[in-house]
Amino acid sequence: MSLQEDLESRSGAKCELCTSTNNLSVYDVKPSITGGGGVDGSVLACETCVTQIEIIYLKVKKLFIEM
């Protein structure tokens, strides 16, 4: 099975954040204890949720750079 197939099986082929079934893709969670990537370091997310995550990430990153 591919990573996408594993995540689809885990999530019931729905976005793991909002349950949308449209425009799903694998999103690697930024490295943490798991190191990111793989089934444990990824989520199946819709385009809208990925965009929101990236916007928040960029805002937080900017705050840390400005400190």
N, C-alpha and C. Protein backbone atom coordinates (compact mmCIF):
# COMPACT_ATOMS: atom_id res chain seq x y z
N MET A 1 0.83 -1.19 0.00
CA MET A 1 0.00 0.00 0.00
C MET A 1 0.88 1.26 0.00
N SER A 2 0.42 2.29 -0.66
CA SER A 2 1.13 3.57 -0.65
C SER A 2 0.77 4.34 0.62
N LEU A 3 1.54 5.37 0.91
CA LEU A 3 1.25 6.21 2.07
C LEU A 3 -0.14 6.81 1.95
N GLN A 4 -0.49 7.30 0.77
CA GLN A 4 -1.83 7.89 0.57
C GLN A 4 -2.91 6.85 0.85
N GLU A 5 -2.73 5.64 0.37
CA GLU A 5 -3.72 4.58 0.60
C GLU A 5 -3.84 4.25 2.09
N ASP A 6 -2.69 4.21 2.78
CA ASP A 6 -2.72 3.95 4.23
C ASP A 6 -3.49 5.05 4.97
N LEU A 7 -3.24 6.30 4.58
CA LEU A 7 -3.93 7.42 5.23
C LEU A 7 -5.42 7.43 4.89
N GLU A 8 -5.76 7.09 3.65
CA GLU A 8 -7.18 6.99 3.26
C GLU A 8 -7.88 5.92 4.08
N SER A 9 -7.20 4.80 4.29
CA SER A 9 -7.78 3.72 5.09
C SER A 9 -7.99 4.19 6.53
N ARG A 10 -6.99 4.86 7.08
CA ARG A 10 -7.07 5.35 8.47
C ARG A 10 -8.18 6.38 8.64
N SER A 11 -8.35 7.25 7.64
CA SER A 11 -9.28 8.38 7.78
C SER A 11 -10.65 8.14 7.16
N GLY A 12 -10.82 6.99 6.53
CA GLY A 12 -12.08 6.76 5.83
C GLY A 12 -12.18 7.60 4.57
N ALA A 13 -11.02 7.94 3.97
CA ALA A 13 -10.93 8.75 2.75
C ALA A 13 -11.55 10.14 2.95
N LYS A 14 -11.32 10.70 4.14
CA LYS A 14 -11.79 12.05 4.46
C LYS A 14 -10.63 12.86 5.04
N CYS A 15 -10.71 14.16 4.89
CA CYS A 15 -9.73 15.04 5.52
C CYS A 15 -9.76 14.75 7.02
N GLU A 16 -8.57 14.54 7.59
CA GLU A 16 -8.49 14.22 9.01
C GLU A 16 -8.70 15.45 9.89
N LEU A 17 -8.83 16.61 9.29
CA LEU A 17 -9.03 17.83 10.05
C LEU A 17 -10.47 18.34 9.98
N CYS A 18 -11.11 18.20 8.81
CA CYS A 18 -12.47 18.76 8.66
C CYS A 18 -13.48 17.78 8.05
N THR A 19 -13.04 16.61 7.68
CA THR A 19 -13.84 15.53 7.09
C THR A 19 -14.29 15.77 5.65
N SER A 20 -13.72 16.77 4.98
CA SER A 20 -14.03 16.98 3.56
C SER A 20 -13.53 15.78 2.76
N THR A 21 -14.17 15.52 1.63
CA THR A 21 -13.73 14.44 0.75
C THR A 21 -13.15 14.98 -0.56
N ASN A 22 -13.00 16.29 -0.66
CA ASN A 22 -12.52 16.92 -1.90
C ASN A 22 -11.05 17.29 -1.83
N ASN A 23 -10.34 17.11 -2.94
CA ASN A 23 -8.94 17.57 -3.09
C ASN A 23 -8.05 17.12 -1.95
N LEU A 24 -8.05 15.82 -1.65
CA LEU A 24 -7.24 15.29 -0.56
C LEU A 24 -5.82 15.02 -1.00
N SER A 25 -4.88 15.27 -0.08
CA SER A 25 -3.48 14.96 -0.34
C SER A 25 -2.79 14.65 0.98
N VAL A 26 -1.61 14.07 0.87
CA VAL A 26 -0.81 13.76 2.04
C VAL A 26 -0.13 15.05 2.49
N TYR A 27 -0.24 15.36 3.77
CA TYR A 27 0.44 16.52 4.34
C TYR A 27 1.39 16.01 5.41
N ASP A 28 2.68 16.26 5.22
CA ASP A 28 3.68 15.86 6.21
C ASP A 28 3.69 16.88 7.33
N VAL A 29 3.44 16.40 8.53
CA VAL A 29 3.47 17.25 9.71
C VAL A 29 4.92 17.66 9.93
N LYS A 30 5.12 18.93 10.26
CA LYS A 30 6.47 19.42 10.47
C LYS A 30 7.16 18.53 11.51
N PRO A 31 8.44 18.28 11.34
CA PRO A 31 9.16 17.33 12.21
C PRO A 31 8.92 17.57 13.70
N SER A 32 8.70 16.48 14.36
CA SER A 32 8.54 16.49 15.81
C SER A 32 9.28 15.26 16.32
N ILE A 33 8.80 14.65 17.33
CA ILE A 33 9.44 13.45 17.87
C ILE A 33 9.50 12.36 16.81
N THR A 34 8.46 12.26 15.98
CA THR A 34 8.43 11.20 14.96
C THR A 34 9.36 11.50 13.80
N GLY A 35 9.84 12.74 13.69
CA GLY A 35 10.69 13.10 12.58
C GLY A 35 9.91 13.53 11.35
N GLY A 36 8.59 13.49 11.40
CA GLY A 36 7.76 13.87 10.26
C GLY A 36 7.74 12.77 9.21
N GLY A 37 6.76 12.82 8.35
CA GLY A 37 6.64 11.84 7.27
C GLY A 37 6.11 10.50 7.76
N GLY A 38 5.86 9.60 6.81
CA GLY A 38 5.32 8.29 7.13
C GLY A 38 3.89 8.40 7.65
N VAL A 39 3.30 7.28 7.96
CA VAL A 39 1.91 7.26 8.42
C VAL A 39 1.76 8.03 9.73
N ASP A 40 2.73 7.87 10.65
CA ASP A 40 2.61 8.52 11.95
C ASP A 40 2.96 10.01 11.91
N GLY A 41 3.63 10.45 10.85
CA GLY A 41 4.02 11.85 10.76
C GLY A 41 3.30 12.59 9.65
N SER A 42 2.18 12.05 9.19
CA SER A 42 1.43 12.66 8.10
C SER A 42 -0.05 12.59 8.38
N VAL A 43 -0.80 13.47 7.71
CA VAL A 43 -2.26 13.42 7.76
C VAL A 43 -2.78 13.54 6.33
N LEU A 44 -3.96 13.03 6.13
CA LEU A 44 -4.67 13.22 4.87
C LEU A 44 -5.49 14.48 5.03
N ALA A 45 -5.20 15.50 4.22
CA ALA A 45 -5.84 16.79 4.40
C ALA A 45 -6.34 17.34 3.08
N CYS A 46 -7.42 18.10 3.15
CA CYS A 46 -7.96 18.74 1.96
C CYS A 46 -7.15 20.00 1.64
N GLU A 47 -7.34 20.51 0.45
CA GLU A 47 -6.61 21.69 0.00
C GLU A 47 -6.85 22.90 0.91
N THR A 48 -8.08 23.07 1.36
CA THR A 48 -8.42 24.20 2.24
C THR A 48 -7.65 24.12 3.56
N CYS A 49 -7.62 22.95 4.17
CA CYS A 49 -6.92 22.79 5.45
C CYS A 49 -5.41 22.96 5.27
N VAL A 50 -4.85 22.41 4.20
CA VAL A 50 -3.42 22.57 3.95
C VAL A 50 -3.08 24.05 3.80
N THR A 51 -3.90 24.78 3.07
CA THR A 51 -3.67 26.22 2.90
C THR A 51 -3.70 26.93 4.24
N GLN A 52 -4.68 26.61 5.07
CA GLN A 52 -4.78 27.24 6.39
C GLN A 52 -3.57 26.91 7.26
N ILE A 53 -3.13 25.66 7.23
CA ILE A 53 -1.95 25.26 8.00
C ILE A 53 -0.73 26.06 7.55
N GLU A 54 -0.54 26.16 6.24
CA GLU A 54 0.62 26.88 5.71
C GLU A 54 0.58 28.36 6.06
N ILE A 55 -0.58 28.97 6.01
CA ILE A 55 -0.71 30.40 6.37
C ILE A 55 -0.33 30.59 7.84
N ILE A 56 -0.84 29.76 8.71
CA ILE A 56 -0.53 29.86 10.14
C ILE A 56 0.96 29.62 10.37
N TYR A 57 1.51 28.62 9.72
CA TYR A 57 2.94 28.31 9.86
C TYR A 57 3.79 29.51 9.46
N LEU A 58 3.46 30.14 8.34
CA LEU A 58 4.23 31.30 7.88
C LEU A 58 4.10 32.48 8.84
N LYS A 59 2.92 32.68 9.41
CA LYS A 59 2.74 33.76 10.38
C LYS A 59 3.56 33.52 11.64
N VAL A 60 3.55 32.30 12.13
CA VAL A 60 4.32 31.96 13.33
C VAL A 60 5.82 32.10 13.04
N LYS A 61 6.23 31.62 11.91
CA LYS A 61 7.65 31.71 11.52
C LYS A 61 8.09 33.18 11.47
N LYS A 62 7.25 34.03 10.90
CA LYS A 62 7.55 35.45 10.80
C LYS A 62 7.68 36.07 12.18
N LEU A 63 6.81 35.68 13.12
CA LEU A 63 6.88 36.19 14.49
C LEU A 63 8.22 35.85 15.13
N PHE A 64 8.69 34.62 14.94
CA PHE A 64 9.95 34.20 15.53
C PHE A 64 11.14 34.92 14.90
N ILE A 65 11.07 35.19 13.63
CA ILE A 65 12.14 35.90 12.93
C ILE A 65 12.21 37.34 13.43
N GLU A 66 11.08 37.94 13.70
CA GLU A 66 11.03 39.34 14.14
C GLU A 66 11.45 39.52 15.60
N MET A 67 11.51 38.45 16.36
CA MET A 67 11.86 38.55 17.78
C MET A 67 13.31 38.91 17.97
